[in-house]
C-alpha atoms as a PDB file:
ATOM      1  CA  MET A   1     161.566  47.717 120.997  1.00  0.00           C
ATOM      2  CA  PHE A   2     163.530  47.060 124.172  1.00  0.00           C
ATOM      3  CA  ILE A   3     165.703  50.166 123.737  1.00  0.00           C
ATOM      4  CA  ALA A   4     162.595  52.344 123.373  1.00  0.00           C
ATOM      5  CA  SER A   5     161.174  50.709 126.491  1.00  0.00           C
ATOM      6  CA  VAL A   6     164.352  51.500 128.447  1.00  0.00           C
ATOM      7  CA  ILE A   7     164.365  55.146 127.331  1.00  0.00           C
ATOM      8  CA  VAL A   8     160.690  55.778 128.078  1.00  0.00           C
ATOM      9  CA  SER A   9     160.867  53.893 131.386  1.00  0.00           C
ATOM     10  CA  ALA A  10     163.924  55.884 132.441  1.00  0.00           C
ATOM     11  CA  LEU A  11     162.174  59.176 131.605  1.00  0.00           C
ATOM     12  CA  LEU A  12     159.097  58.093 133.570  1.00  0.00           C
ATOM     13  CA  ALA A  13     161.186  56.975 136.546  1.00  0.00           C
ATOM     14  CA  LEU A  14     163.075  60.284 136.610  1.00  0.00           C
ATOM     15  CA  ALA A  15     159.901  62.378 136.350  1.00  0.00           C
ATOM     16  CA  ALA A  16     158.180  60.351 139.073  1.00  0.00           C
ATOM     17  CA  ALA A  17     161.218  60.486 141.362  1.00  0.00           C
ATOM     18  CA  PHE A  18     161.437  64.259 140.925  1.00  0.00           C
ATOM     19  CA  SER A  19     157.737  64.689 141.689  1.00  0.00           C
ATOM     20  CA  GLY A  20     157.846  62.266 144.615  1.00  0.00           C
ATOM     21  CA  TYR A  21     160.853  64.009 146.115  1.00  0.00           C
ATOM     22  CA  GLY A  22     159.108  67.381 145.787  1.00  0.00           C
ATOM     23  CA  LYS A  23     156.099  66.062 147.662  1.00  0.00           C
ATOM     24  CA  LEU A  24     158.177  64.477 150.431  1.00  0.00           C
ATOM     25  CA  ALA A  25     160.362  67.591 150.731  1.00  0.00           C
ATOM     26  CA  ARG A  26     157.140  69.625 151.022  1.00  0.00           C
ATOM     27  CA  ASN A  27     157.969  71.916 148.108  1.00  0.00           C
ATOM     28  CA  PRO A  28     155.903  75.089 148.724  1.00  0.00           C
ATOM     29  CA  GLN A  29     154.748  75.352 145.096  1.00  0.00           C
ATOM     30  CA  MET A  30     153.580  71.739 145.065  1.00  0.00           C
ATOM     31  CA  LEU A  31     151.820  72.130 148.397  1.00  0.00           C
ATOM     32  CA  GLU A  32     150.094  75.283 147.175  1.00  0.00           C
ATOM     33  CA  GLN A  33     148.736  73.557 144.091  1.00  0.00           C
ATOM     34  CA  LEU A  34     147.826  70.271 145.744  1.00  0.00           C
ATOM     35  CA  VAL A  35     146.187  71.665 148.867  1.00  0.00           C
ATOM     36  CA  ASN A  36     144.708  74.983 147.759  1.00  0.00           C
ATOM     37  CA  LYS A  37     143.913  74.421 144.073  1.00  0.00           C
ATOM     38  CA  LEU A  38     143.139  70.712 143.982  1.00  0.00           C
ATOM     39  CA  GLY A  39     141.834  70.165 147.506  1.00  0.00           C
ATOM     40  CA  VAL A  40     144.161  67.277 148.358  1.00  0.00           C
ATOM     41  CA  PRO A  41     144.302  66.791 152.145  1.00  0.00           C
ATOM     42  CA  GLU A  42     147.754  67.736 153.422  1.00  0.00           C
ATOM     43  CA  ARG A  43     148.078  64.450 155.305  1.00  0.00           C
ATOM     44  CA  LEU A  44     147.988  62.543 151.980  1.00  0.00           C
ATOM     45  CA  ILE A  45     150.895  64.369 150.357  1.00  0.00           C
ATOM     46  CA  PRO A  46     153.615  62.165 151.932  1.00  0.00           C
ATOM     47  CA  VAL A  47     151.646  59.101 150.823  1.00  0.00           C
ATOM     48  CA  LEU A  48     151.523  60.394 147.242  1.00  0.00           C
ATOM     49  CA  GLY A  49     155.251  61.162 147.333  1.00  0.00           C
ATOM     50  CA  THR A  50     156.047  57.701 148.641  1.00  0.00           C
ATOM     51  CA  LEU A  51     153.908  56.079 145.938  1.00  0.00           C
ATOM     52  CA  LEU A  52     155.734  58.063 143.266  1.00  0.00           C
ATOM     53  CA  LEU A  53     159.166  57.124 144.610  1.00  0.00           C
ATOM     54  CA  ALA A  54     158.199  53.461 144.942  1.00  0.00           C
ATOM     55  CA  GLY A  55     156.872  53.492 141.390  1.00  0.00           C
ATOM     56  CA  ALA A  56     160.080  55.107 140.157  1.00  0.00           C
ATOM     57  CA  VAL A  57     162.135  52.358 141.783  1.00  0.00           C
ATOM     58  CA  GLY A  58     159.813  49.690 140.375  1.00  0.00           C
ATOM     59  CA  THR A  59     159.931  51.189 136.903  1.00  0.00           C
ATOM     60  CA  ALA A  60     163.724  51.336 136.975  1.00  0.00           C
ATOM     61  CA  ALA A  61     163.975  47.768 138.308  1.00  0.00           C
ATOM     62  CA  GLY A  62     161.497  46.719 135.626  1.00  0.00           C
ATOM     63  CA  ILE A  63     164.099  47.401 132.991  1.00  0.00           C
ATOM     64  CA  TRP A  64     165.819  44.196 134.136  1.00  0.00           C
ATOM     65  CA  TRP A  65     162.826  42.246 135.434  1.00  0.00           C
ATOM     66  CA  ALA A  66     159.755  42.629 133.236  1.00  0.00           C
ATOM     67  CA  PRO A  67     157.019  41.650 135.743  1.00  0.00           C
ATOM     68  CA  ILE A  68     157.885  44.429 138.184  1.00  0.00           C
ATOM     69  CA  GLY A  69     158.192  46.941 135.343  1.00  0.00           C
ATOM     70  CA  ILE A  70     154.782  45.994 134.026  1.00  0.00           C
ATOM     71  CA  ALA A  71     153.264  46.244 137.506  1.00  0.00           C
ATOM     72  CA  ALA A  72     154.930  49.595 138.259  1.00  0.00           C
ATOM     73  CA  THR A  73     154.022  51.237 134.966  1.00  0.00           C
ATOM     74  CA  GLY A  74     150.476  49.865 135.189  1.00  0.00           C
ATOM     75  CA  CYS A  75     150.154  51.412 138.645  1.00  0.00           C
ATOM     76  CA  PHE A  76     151.500  54.691 137.271  1.00  0.00           C
ATOM     77  CA  VAL A  77     148.779  54.720 134.613  1.00  0.00           C
ATOM     78  CA  LEU A  78     146.165  54.365 137.368  1.00  0.00           C
ATOM     79  CA  TYR A  79     147.898  56.932 139.613  1.00  0.00           C
ATOM     80  CA  PHE A  80     148.070  59.566 136.893  1.00  0.00           C
ATOM     81  CA  LEU A  81     144.512  58.862 135.698  1.00  0.00           C
ATOM     82  CA  GLY A  82     143.448  59.632 139.259  1.00  0.00           C
ATOM     83  CA  ALA A  83     145.485  62.829 139.091  1.00  0.00           C
ATOM     84  CA  VAL A  84     143.785  63.818 135.825  1.00  0.00           C
ATOM     85  CA  ILE A  85     140.382  63.224 137.431  1.00  0.00           C
ATOM     86  CA  THR A  86     141.438  65.383 140.389  1.00  0.00           C
ATOM     87  CA  HIS A  87     142.429  68.221 138.043  1.00  0.00           C
ATOM     88  CA  VAL A  88     139.151  67.929 136.119  1.00  0.00           C
ATOM     89  CA  ARG A  89     137.102  68.023 139.325  1.00  0.00           C
ATOM     90  CA  ALA A  90     138.991  71.145 140.443  1.00  0.00           C
ATOM     91  CA  LYS A  91     138.627  72.693 136.948  1.00  0.00           C
ATOM     92  CA  ASP A  92     142.397  73.211 136.876  1.00  0.00           C
ATOM     93  CA  TRP A  93     142.805  72.986 133.114  1.00  0.00           C
ATOM     94  CA  ALA A  94     146.250  74.587 132.910  1.00  0.00           C
ATOM     95  CA  GLY A  95     147.652  72.411 135.685  1.00  0.00           C
ATOM     96  CA  MET A  96     146.289  69.311 134.028  1.00  0.00           C
ATOM     97  CA  VAL A  97     148.687  69.446 131.057  1.00  0.00           C
ATOM     98  CA  PRO A  98     151.744  67.960 132.847  1.00  0.00           C
ATOM     99  CA  THR A  99     149.538  65.306 134.417  1.00  0.00           C
ATOM    100  CA  VAL A 100     148.151  64.261 131.024  1.00  0.00           C
ATOM    101  CA  VAL A 101     151.702  64.111 129.652  1.00  0.00           C
ATOM    102  CA  LEU A 102     152.758  61.851 132.532  1.00  0.00           C
ATOM    103  CA  THR A 103     149.682  59.673 132.006  1.00  0.00           C
ATOM    104  CA  LEU A 104     150.580  59.251 128.332  1.00  0.00           C
ATOM    105  CA  LEU A 105     154.232  58.592 129.227  1.00  0.00           C
ATOM    106  CA  SER A 106     153.096  55.924 131.701  1.00  0.00           C
ATOM    107  CA  ALA A 107     150.853  54.297 129.094  1.00  0.00           C
ATOM    108  CA  ALA A 108     153.709  54.347 126.575  1.00  0.00           C
ATOM    109  CA  ALA A 109     156.108  52.799 129.105  1.00  0.00           C
ATOM    110  CA  LEU A 110     153.573  50.081 129.927  1.00  0.00           C
ATOM    111  CA  THR A 111     152.882  49.335 126.262  1.00  0.00           C
ATOM    112  CA  LEU A 112     156.562  49.207 125.342  1.00  0.00           C
ATOM    113  CA  ARG A 113     157.389  47.010 128.340  1.00  0.00           C
ATOM    114  CA  LEU A 114     154.599  44.600 127.435  1.00  0.00           C
ATOM    115  CA  LEU A 115     155.810  44.426 123.834  1.00  0.00           C
ATOM    116  CA  SER A 116     159.442  43.852 124.819  1.00  0.00           C
ATOM    117  CA  ALA A 117     158.841  41.325 127.624  1.00  0.00           C
END
């Protein structure tokens, strides 16, 4: 179970780090979707990027120390549920698919970490 937890946690940490970096680097495609399609205020984008990077670090560190991994992946579940709600409110059904995948990946990482702790 621990090996599965490491693999899923590593995938989640990489995906979150990539997304967080894109937000902090002000990737034009991300800004377009977040600001124009989803209605996210531009001033919140660095905050979202920072949360994603912090969660990626916590998820990676959680491979060695279970409590921080559980906390980080639990926060990711909440973060991505909020993102799903944002997509639903904006009626952005096509853009919601990656967010749902990341929500499920977060839930899997949390479940596996809890089972292997």
